[in-house]
Amino acid sequence: MEFQKNLLDYISQSLMTSGETISVAESVTSGCLQLAFSQMPNASLFFKGGMTTYALPQKVDLLQVNRAEAEESDCVSDSIAQTMALNVAKLFDTDWSIATTGYCKPIRKSLYKIFAYFSFSYKGEIILNKKLELHPKTQALNAQMYYTEFILGCFKSEINQLLILK
């Protein structure tokens, strides 16, 4: 797995310059975001860690996702992603967080579609929440890698916007 070096360098430099930290809660990306952050220059200065919570009990127990909502939505909704983002930031005591949930394979529960929800939190507030859909014939690993690259690109844009405002 290879990530765009300039994207990783930009995110790393931005977080180091601002003195801010990040954590990640993943489901559909299965650790790909954590891998990407670990590949960034000086990652230990801003990346505090992450977790992959693939099953409902772990999302409920570790990230305080609402059990009834998780059961009803198969743990895949914009609300679940937001809760995951807010609570991983609390767990790791970080300024930023990213959370992902969704499907990388078409199954009955996804109505045979491939999609992901992702959320960014910044200082305790959700600042971005999106749904990303892919073609249903996309291979699972390709879907996970695409989600990861797309999310990192969106994260770069959010960092840019906040740096301009500062």
N, C-alpha and C. Protein backbone atom coordinates (compact mmCIF):
# COMPACT_ATOMS: atom_id res chain seq x y z
N MET A 1 0.84 -1.18 0.00
CA MET A 1 0.00 0.00 0.00
C MET A 1 0.89 1.24 0.00
N GLU A 2 0.61 2.10 -0.92
CA GLU A 2 1.41 3.31 -1.01
C GLU A 2 0.49 4.52 -1.05
N PHE A 3 0.86 5.52 -0.30
CA PHE A 3 0.07 6.74 -0.22
C PHE A 3 0.84 7.87 -0.90
N GLN A 4 0.12 8.89 -1.32
CA GLN A 4 0.76 10.05 -1.95
C GLN A 4 1.68 10.74 -0.94
N LYS A 5 2.96 10.74 -1.24
CA LYS A 5 3.94 11.30 -0.32
C LYS A 5 3.68 12.78 -0.03
N ASN A 6 3.34 13.55 -1.06
CA ASN A 6 3.12 14.98 -0.84
C ASN A 6 1.91 15.23 0.06
N LEU A 7 0.91 14.39 -0.03
CA LEU A 7 -0.27 14.51 0.84
C LEU A 7 0.11 14.22 2.29
N LEU A 8 0.84 13.14 2.49
CA LEU A 8 1.28 12.77 3.85
C LEU A 8 2.19 13.84 4.43
N ASP A 9 3.11 14.34 3.61
CA ASP A 9 4.04 15.39 4.08
C ASP A 9 3.28 16.66 4.46
N TYR A 10 2.30 17.03 3.65
CA TYR A 10 1.54 18.25 3.91
C TYR A 10 0.77 18.14 5.23
N ILE A 11 0.09 17.02 5.43
CA ILE A 11 -0.67 16.83 6.66
C ILE A 11 0.27 16.84 7.86
N SER A 12 1.37 16.13 7.76
CA SER A 12 2.36 16.08 8.83
C SER A 12 2.85 17.48 9.19
N GLN A 13 3.28 18.22 8.18
CA GLN A 13 3.81 19.56 8.40
C GLN A 13 2.76 20.47 9.02
N SER A 14 1.53 20.39 8.54
CA SER A 14 0.44 21.23 9.06
C SER A 14 0.16 20.95 10.53
N LEU A 15 0.10 19.67 10.88
CA LEU A 15 -0.17 19.33 12.28
C LEU A 15 0.99 19.71 13.19
N MET A 16 2.21 19.52 12.71
CA MET A 16 3.37 19.91 13.52
C MET A 16 3.44 21.42 13.70
N THR A 17 3.19 22.17 12.63
CA THR A 17 3.24 23.62 12.69
C THR A 17 2.19 24.18 13.64
N SER A 18 1.00 23.59 13.62
CA SER A 18 -0.08 24.08 14.48
C SER A 18 0.03 23.53 15.90
N GLY A 19 0.86 22.50 16.09
CA GLY A 19 1.00 21.89 17.41
C GLY A 19 -0.22 21.09 17.81
N GLU A 20 -0.97 20.61 16.83
CA GLU A 20 -2.20 19.88 17.12
C GLU A 20 -2.01 18.38 16.91
N THR A 21 -2.92 17.61 17.51
CA THR A 21 -2.82 16.16 17.50
C THR A 21 -4.06 15.54 16.86
N ILE A 22 -3.93 14.26 16.49
CA ILE A 22 -5.03 13.56 15.83
C ILE A 22 -5.09 12.11 16.30
N SER A 23 -6.32 11.57 16.28
CA SER A 23 -6.56 10.15 16.51
C SER A 23 -7.58 9.68 15.48
N VAL A 24 -7.70 8.36 15.36
CA VAL A 24 -8.54 7.78 14.31
C VAL A 24 -9.36 6.62 14.88
N ALA A 25 -10.64 6.53 14.46
CA ALA A 25 -11.49 5.38 14.75
C ALA A 25 -11.97 4.84 13.41
N GLU A 26 -11.60 3.60 13.12
CA GLU A 26 -11.90 3.03 11.80
C GLU A 26 -12.76 1.78 11.91
N SER A 27 -13.57 1.62 10.89
CA SER A 27 -14.28 0.37 10.69
C SER A 27 -14.01 -0.07 9.25
N VAL A 28 -14.66 0.55 8.29
CA VAL A 28 -14.54 0.13 6.89
C VAL A 28 -13.13 0.24 6.34
N THR A 29 -12.34 1.17 6.81
CA THR A 29 -10.97 1.33 6.32
C THR A 29 -9.99 0.41 7.04
N SER A 30 -10.42 -0.29 8.04
CA SER A 30 -9.68 -1.38 8.69
C SER A 30 -8.22 -1.09 9.01
N GLY A 31 -7.92 0.10 9.46
CA GLY A 31 -6.56 0.44 9.85
C GLY A 31 -5.75 1.15 8.76
N CYS A 32 -6.32 1.33 7.58
CA CYS A 32 -5.58 2.00 6.50
C CYS A 32 -5.22 3.44 6.86
N LEU A 33 -6.13 4.14 7.53
CA LEU A 33 -5.82 5.52 7.95
C LEU A 33 -4.72 5.54 9.00
N GLN A 34 -4.77 4.58 9.94
CA GLN A 34 -3.72 4.51 10.94
C GLN A 34 -2.38 4.21 10.27
N LEU A 35 -2.38 3.34 9.27
CA LEU A 35 -1.16 3.05 8.53
C LEU A 35 -0.65 4.32 7.84
N ALA A 36 -1.54 5.06 7.21
CA ALA A 36 -1.14 6.29 6.53
C ALA A 36 -0.53 7.29 7.51
N PHE A 37 -1.17 7.50 8.65
CA PHE A 37 -0.62 8.45 9.63
C PHE A 37 0.73 7.98 10.16
N SER A 38 0.89 6.66 10.33
CA SER A 38 2.17 6.15 10.83
C SER A 38 3.30 6.35 9.83
N GLN A 39 2.96 6.52 8.56
CA GLN A 39 3.97 6.73 7.52
C GLN A 39 4.37 8.20 7.37
N MET A 40 3.69 9.09 8.05
CA MET A 40 3.99 10.52 7.93
C MET A 40 5.27 10.87 8.69
N PRO A 41 6.03 11.82 8.16
CA PRO A 41 7.23 12.26 8.87
C PRO A 41 6.89 12.76 10.28
N ASN A 42 7.66 12.34 11.24
CA ASN A 42 7.50 12.77 12.64
C ASN A 42 6.12 12.45 13.21
N ALA A 43 5.54 11.34 12.79
CA ALA A 43 4.18 10.96 13.20
C ALA A 43 3.98 10.97 14.71
N SER A 44 4.99 10.57 15.45
CA SER A 44 4.83 10.47 16.91
C SER A 44 4.61 11.83 17.57
N LEU A 45 4.88 12.91 16.83
CA LEU A 45 4.67 14.25 17.40
C LEU A 45 3.20 14.69 17.35
N PHE A 46 2.39 14.08 16.51
CA PHE A 46 0.99 14.53 16.37
C PHE A 46 -0.03 13.39 16.31
N PHE A 47 0.38 12.19 15.91
CA PHE A 47 -0.56 11.07 15.81
C PHE A 47 -0.53 10.28 17.11
N LYS A 48 -1.61 10.41 17.89
CA LYS A 48 -1.64 9.77 19.21
C LYS A 48 -2.10 8.32 19.14
N GLY A 49 -2.73 7.92 18.03
CA GLY A 49 -3.14 6.53 17.89
C GLY A 49 -4.54 6.40 17.33
N GLY A 50 -4.98 5.16 17.31
CA GLY A 50 -6.29 4.90 16.77
C GLY A 50 -6.77 3.52 17.14
N MET A 51 -7.96 3.21 16.66
CA MET A 51 -8.52 1.89 16.90
C MET A 51 -9.38 1.49 15.71
N THR A 52 -9.38 0.19 15.47
CA THR A 52 -10.26 -0.38 14.47
C THR A 52 -11.33 -1.15 15.22
N THR A 53 -12.55 -0.67 15.14
CA THR A 53 -13.67 -1.33 15.79
C THR A 53 -14.60 -1.83 14.70
N TYR A 54 -14.49 -3.10 14.41
CA TYR A 54 -15.22 -3.67 13.30
C TYR A 54 -16.59 -4.19 13.72
N ALA A 55 -16.71 -4.65 14.94
CA ALA A 55 -17.95 -5.27 15.41
C ALA A 55 -18.76 -4.33 16.31
N LEU A 56 -20.06 -4.53 16.30
CA LEU A 56 -20.98 -3.69 17.06
C LEU A 56 -20.63 -3.60 18.55
N PRO A 57 -20.36 -4.71 19.25
CA PRO A 57 -20.07 -4.59 20.69
C PRO A 57 -18.89 -3.66 21.00
N GLN A 58 -17.86 -3.68 20.15
CA GLN A 58 -16.70 -2.83 20.40
C GLN A 58 -17.02 -1.37 20.12
N LYS A 59 -17.83 -1.12 19.10
CA LYS A 59 -18.24 0.27 18.84
C LYS A 59 -19.05 0.80 20.01
N VAL A 60 -19.91 -0.04 20.57
CA VAL A 60 -20.74 0.36 21.71
C VAL A 60 -19.87 0.54 22.96
N ASP A 61 -19.05 -0.47 23.28
CA ASP A 61 -18.26 -0.44 24.51
C ASP A 61 -17.13 0.58 24.49
N LEU A 62 -16.41 0.67 23.39
CA LEU A 62 -15.23 1.52 23.34
C LEU A 62 -15.51 2.95 22.88
N LEU A 63 -16.48 3.09 21.96
CA LEU A 63 -16.72 4.42 21.37
C LEU A 63 -18.09 4.99 21.73
N GLN A 64 -18.79 4.32 22.63
CA GLN A 64 -20.07 4.82 23.16
C GLN A 64 -21.13 5.05 22.07
N VAL A 65 -21.10 4.22 21.03
CA VAL A 65 -22.13 4.28 20.00
C VAL A 65 -23.43 3.74 20.59
N ASN A 66 -24.55 4.35 20.24
CA ASN A 66 -25.86 3.93 20.73
C ASN A 66 -26.18 2.54 20.18
N ARG A 67 -26.41 1.58 21.09
CA ARG A 67 -26.63 0.19 20.69
C ARG A 67 -27.84 0.03 19.77
N ALA A 68 -28.96 0.64 20.13
CA ALA A 68 -30.18 0.49 19.32
C ALA A 68 -29.96 1.05 17.91
N GLU A 69 -29.35 2.21 17.83
CA GLU A 69 -29.07 2.80 16.52
C GLU A 69 -28.10 1.92 15.73
N ALA A 70 -27.08 1.40 16.39
CA ALA A 70 -26.10 0.54 15.73
C ALA A 70 -26.76 -0.73 15.21
N GLU A 71 -27.64 -1.32 16.00
CA GLU A 71 -28.33 -2.53 15.56
C GLU A 71 -29.24 -2.25 14.36
N GLU A 72 -29.92 -1.12 14.41
CA GLU A 72 -30.84 -0.77 13.33
C GLU A 72 -30.11 -0.46 12.02
N SER A 73 -28.94 0.18 12.11
CA SER A 73 -28.23 0.63 10.92
C SER A 73 -27.05 -0.26 10.51
N ASP A 74 -26.87 -1.38 11.20
CA ASP A 74 -25.70 -2.24 10.97
C ASP A 74 -24.41 -1.47 11.23
N CYS A 75 -24.46 -0.53 12.15
CA CYS A 75 -23.32 0.32 12.54
C CYS A 75 -22.86 1.24 11.42
N VAL A 76 -23.69 1.48 10.43
CA VAL A 76 -23.30 2.28 9.29
C VAL A 76 -24.28 3.43 9.10
N SER A 77 -23.88 4.63 9.54
CA SER A 77 -24.70 5.83 9.36
C SER A 77 -23.82 7.05 9.61
N ASP A 78 -24.33 8.20 9.18
CA ASP A 78 -23.59 9.43 9.44
C ASP A 78 -23.49 9.69 10.94
N SER A 79 -24.55 9.39 11.66
CA SER A 79 -24.57 9.59 13.11
C SER A 79 -23.55 8.70 13.82
N ILE A 80 -23.44 7.46 13.38
CA ILE A 80 -22.46 6.53 13.98
C ILE A 80 -21.04 7.08 13.74
N ALA A 81 -20.76 7.52 12.53
CA ALA A 81 -19.44 8.07 12.23
C ALA A 81 -19.14 9.28 13.11
N GLN A 82 -20.13 10.14 13.30
CA GLN A 82 -19.93 11.33 14.14
C GLN A 82 -19.62 10.93 15.58
N THR A 83 -20.39 10.00 16.11
CA THR A 83 -20.16 9.54 17.49
C THR A 83 -18.77 8.94 17.64
N MET A 84 -18.38 8.13 16.66
CA MET A 84 -17.05 7.53 16.69
C MET A 84 -15.96 8.61 16.70
N ALA A 85 -16.13 9.63 15.86
CA ALA A 85 -15.13 10.70 15.77
C ALA A 85 -15.02 11.46 17.09
N LEU A 86 -16.14 11.85 17.62
CA LEU A 86 -16.12 12.63 18.88
C LEU A 86 -15.51 11.83 20.02
N ASN A 87 -15.85 10.55 20.10
CA ASN A 87 -15.40 9.76 21.25
C ASN A 87 -13.97 9.26 21.13
N VAL A 88 -13.47 9.04 19.91
CA VAL A 88 -12.06 8.67 19.81
C VAL A 88 -11.18 9.86 20.18
N ALA A 89 -11.63 11.06 19.84
CA ALA A 89 -10.87 12.26 20.22
C ALA A 89 -10.80 12.39 21.74
N LYS A 90 -11.90 12.07 22.41
CA LYS A 90 -11.90 12.11 23.88
C LYS A 90 -10.98 11.04 24.45
N LEU A 91 -11.07 9.83 23.91
CA LEU A 91 -10.24 8.72 24.42
C LEU A 91 -8.75 9.01 24.30
N PHE A 92 -8.35 9.59 23.19
CA PHE A 92 -6.93 9.84 22.94
C PHE A 92 -6.52 11.27 23.28
N ASP A 93 -7.48 12.09 23.72
CA ASP A 93 -7.23 13.48 24.07
C ASP A 93 -6.52 14.22 22.93
N THR A 94 -7.20 14.27 21.77
CA THR A 94 -6.62 14.91 20.59
C THR A 94 -7.48 16.08 20.12
N ASP A 95 -6.84 16.99 19.40
CA ASP A 95 -7.55 18.13 18.82
C ASP A 95 -8.44 17.68 17.66
N TRP A 96 -7.90 16.80 16.82
CA TRP A 96 -8.58 16.30 15.64
C TRP A 96 -8.90 14.83 15.79
N SER A 97 -9.92 14.39 15.04
CA SER A 97 -10.12 12.95 14.88
C SER A 97 -10.82 12.69 13.57
N ILE A 98 -10.64 11.48 13.10
CA ILE A 98 -11.30 11.00 11.89
C ILE A 98 -11.94 9.67 12.23
N ALA A 99 -13.18 9.45 11.75
CA ALA A 99 -13.85 8.17 11.95
C ALA A 99 -14.45 7.71 10.62
N THR A 100 -14.43 6.39 10.41
CA THR A 100 -15.01 5.80 9.21
C THR A 100 -15.89 4.61 9.55
N THR A 101 -16.95 4.46 8.78
CA THR A 101 -17.78 3.27 8.87
C THR A 101 -18.45 3.08 7.51
N GLY A 102 -18.75 1.87 7.16
CA GLY A 102 -19.38 1.64 5.86
C GLY A 102 -19.18 0.23 5.36
N TYR A 103 -19.20 0.12 4.03
CA TYR A 103 -19.08 -1.19 3.38
C TYR A 103 -18.04 -1.13 2.28
N CYS A 104 -17.18 -2.15 2.22
CA CYS A 104 -16.22 -2.25 1.13
C CYS A 104 -16.60 -3.39 0.19
N LYS A 105 -17.67 -4.09 0.52
CA LYS A 105 -18.22 -5.16 -0.33
C LYS A 105 -19.73 -4.99 -0.38
N PRO A 106 -20.34 -5.25 -1.53
CA PRO A 106 -21.80 -5.16 -1.60
C PRO A 106 -22.44 -6.37 -0.92
N ILE A 107 -23.28 -6.10 0.07
CA ILE A 107 -24.00 -7.18 0.76
C ILE A 107 -25.47 -6.78 0.88
N ARG A 108 -26.27 -7.71 1.34
CA ARG A 108 -27.71 -7.45 1.45
C ARG A 108 -27.99 -6.23 2.33
N LYS A 109 -27.31 -6.14 3.49
CA LYS A 109 -27.56 -5.03 4.42
C LYS A 109 -27.21 -3.68 3.83
N SER A 110 -26.30 -3.65 2.84
CA SER A 110 -25.94 -2.38 2.19
C SER A 110 -26.77 -2.16 0.92
N LEU A 111 -27.78 -3.00 0.73
CA LEU A 111 -28.58 -2.99 -0.50
C LEU A 111 -27.68 -3.17 -1.72
N TYR A 112 -26.63 -3.97 -1.52
CA TYR A 112 -25.67 -4.32 -2.56
C TYR A 112 -24.93 -3.10 -3.13
N LYS A 113 -24.74 -2.12 -2.25
CA LYS A 113 -23.98 -0.93 -2.62
C LYS A 113 -22.70 -0.89 -1.80
N ILE A 114 -21.74 -0.11 -2.27
CA ILE A 114 -20.48 0.11 -1.54
C ILE A 114 -20.41 1.59 -1.21
N PHE A 115 -20.33 1.88 0.09
CA PHE A 115 -20.27 3.28 0.51
C PHE A 115 -19.68 3.37 1.91
N ALA A 116 -19.26 4.57 2.23
CA ALA A 116 -18.69 4.83 3.56
C ALA A 116 -19.16 6.19 4.04
N TYR A 117 -19.31 6.29 5.35
CA TYR A 117 -19.51 7.58 6.01
C TYR A 117 -18.21 7.90 6.73
N PHE A 118 -17.82 9.16 6.71
CA PHE A 118 -16.67 9.56 7.49
C PHE A 118 -16.94 10.92 8.12
N SER A 119 -16.33 11.12 9.27
CA SER A 119 -16.51 12.36 10.03
C SER A 119 -15.17 12.83 10.55
N PHE A 120 -15.03 14.16 10.59
CA PHE A 120 -13.88 14.80 11.22
C PHE A 120 -14.40 15.58 12.41
N SER A 121 -13.70 15.45 13.53
CA SER A 121 -14.01 16.34 14.65
C SER A 121 -12.79 17.22 14.89
N TYR A 122 -13.07 18.42 15.36
CA TYR A 122 -12.02 19.36 15.72
C TYR A 122 -12.43 20.05 17.00
N LYS A 123 -11.60 19.85 18.02
CA LYS A 123 -11.83 20.46 19.34
C LYS A 123 -13.25 20.22 19.84
N GLY A 124 -13.69 18.96 19.73
CA GLY A 124 -14.97 18.55 20.30
C GLY A 124 -16.20 18.81 19.45
N GLU A 125 -16.01 19.25 18.21
CA GLU A 125 -17.16 19.49 17.33
C GLU A 125 -16.96 18.80 15.99
N ILE A 126 -18.04 18.30 15.42
CA ILE A 126 -17.98 17.73 14.08
C ILE A 126 -17.87 18.88 13.09
N ILE A 127 -16.83 18.84 12.25
CA ILE A 127 -16.67 19.91 11.26
C ILE A 127 -16.90 19.41 9.83
N LEU A 128 -16.91 18.08 9.65
CA LEU A 128 -17.20 17.53 8.34
C LEU A 128 -17.79 16.15 8.52
N ASN A 129 -18.84 15.88 7.77
CA ASN A 129 -19.49 14.57 7.79
C ASN A 129 -19.95 14.29 6.37
N LYS A 130 -19.44 13.23 5.76
CA LYS A 130 -19.77 12.95 4.35
C LYS A 130 -20.04 11.47 4.12
N LYS A 131 -20.74 11.23 3.02
CA LYS A 131 -20.95 9.87 2.53
C LYS A 131 -20.24 9.78 1.18
N LEU A 132 -19.51 8.71 0.98
CA LEU A 132 -18.78 8.47 -0.25
C LEU A 132 -19.26 7.14 -0.83
N GLU A 133 -19.75 7.16 -2.07
CA GLU A 133 -20.24 5.94 -2.72
C GLU A 133 -19.31 5.54 -3.85
N LEU A 134 -19.10 4.23 -3.99
CA LEU A 134 -18.28 3.69 -5.06
C LEU A 134 -19.10 2.72 -5.90
N HIS A 135 -18.59 2.39 -7.07
CA HIS A 135 -19.25 1.43 -7.94
C HIS A 135 -19.32 0.08 -7.23
N PRO A 136 -20.44 -0.63 -7.30
CA PRO A 136 -20.59 -1.89 -6.56
C PRO A 136 -19.63 -3.00 -7.00
N LYS A 137 -18.99 -2.86 -8.13
CA LYS A 137 -18.03 -3.89 -8.57
C LYS A 137 -16.61 -3.59 -8.12
N THR A 138 -16.41 -2.51 -7.37
CA THR A 138 -15.08 -2.17 -6.86
C THR A 138 -14.61 -3.27 -5.91
N GLN A 139 -13.38 -3.71 -6.09
CA GLN A 139 -12.81 -4.72 -5.20
C GLN A 139 -12.63 -4.14 -3.79
N ALA A 140 -12.77 -4.98 -2.78
CA ALA A 140 -12.78 -4.52 -1.39
C ALA A 140 -11.52 -3.73 -1.02
N LEU A 141 -10.34 -4.26 -1.32
CA LEU A 141 -9.10 -3.55 -0.97
C LEU A 141 -9.01 -2.22 -1.71
N ASN A 142 -9.41 -2.21 -2.97
CA ASN A 142 -9.40 -0.96 -3.74
C ASN A 142 -10.35 0.06 -3.12
N ALA A 143 -11.49 -0.41 -2.65
CA ALA A 143 -12.45 0.50 -2.00
C ALA A 143 -11.82 1.08 -0.74
N GLN A 144 -11.19 0.26 0.07
CA GLN A 144 -10.57 0.74 1.31
C GLN A 144 -9.46 1.75 1.02
N MET A 145 -8.67 1.47 0.00
CA MET A 145 -7.59 2.40 -0.35
C MET A 145 -8.15 3.70 -0.91
N TYR A 146 -9.19 3.61 -1.73
CA TYR A 146 -9.80 4.82 -2.27
C TYR A 146 -10.40 5.66 -1.15
N TYR A 147 -11.14 5.01 -0.25
CA TYR A 147 -11.70 5.74 0.89
C TYR A 147 -10.59 6.47 1.64
N THR A 148 -9.51 5.77 1.91
CA THR A 148 -8.40 6.33 2.69
C THR A 148 -7.81 7.56 2.00
N GLU A 149 -7.49 7.43 0.73
CA GLU A 149 -6.91 8.56 -0.02
C GLU A 149 -7.88 9.73 -0.09
N PHE A 150 -9.15 9.44 -0.34
CA PHE A 150 -10.15 10.49 -0.44
C PHE A 150 -10.30 11.22 0.90
N ILE A 151 -10.36 10.47 1.97
CA ILE A 151 -10.51 11.05 3.31
C ILE A 151 -9.30 11.90 3.66
N LEU A 152 -8.10 11.42 3.35
CA LEU A 152 -6.90 12.22 3.61
C LEU A 152 -6.91 13.50 2.80
N GLY A 153 -7.39 13.45 1.56
CA GLY A 153 -7.51 14.66 0.74
C GLY A 153 -8.48 15.65 1.35
N CYS A 154 -9.60 15.14 1.85
CA CYS A 154 -10.58 16.01 2.52
C CYS A 154 -9.99 16.60 3.79
N PHE A 155 -9.22 15.79 4.51
CA PHE A 155 -8.59 16.27 5.74
C PHE A 155 -7.62 17.40 5.43
N LYS A 156 -6.85 17.25 4.36
CA LYS A 156 -5.93 18.31 3.94
C LYS A 156 -6.71 19.61 3.69
N SER A 157 -7.86 19.51 3.02
CA SER A 157 -8.69 20.70 2.75
C SER A 157 -9.18 21.35 4.03
N GLU A 158 -9.59 20.54 4.99
CA GLU A 158 -10.07 21.08 6.27
C GLU A 158 -8.95 21.78 7.02
N ILE A 159 -7.76 21.19 7.02
CA ILE A 159 -6.60 21.82 7.66
C ILE A 159 -6.32 23.16 6.98
N ASN A 160 -6.34 23.16 5.65
CA ASN A 160 -6.12 24.40 4.89
C ASN A 160 -7.08 25.49 5.31
N GLN A 161 -8.36 25.16 5.39
CA GLN A 161 -9.38 26.15 5.76
C GLN A 161 -9.12 26.70 7.14
N LEU A 162 -8.77 25.86 8.09
CA LEU A 162 -8.54 26.34 9.45
C LEU A 162 -7.26 27.17 9.55
N LEU A 163 -6.25 26.81 8.80
CA LEU A 163 -5.01 27.60 8.84
C LEU A 163 -5.22 28.97 8.26
N ILE A 164 -6.06 29.06 7.23
CA ILE A 164 -6.37 30.37 6.63
C ILE A 164 -7.11 31.25 7.64
N LEU A 165 -7.98 30.65 8.45
CA LEU A 165 -8.76 31.40 9.42
C LEU A 165 -7.92 31.85 10.62
N LYS A 166 -6.81 31.17 10.89
CA LYS A 166 -5.99 31.50 12.07
C LYS A 166 -5.15 32.71 11.86
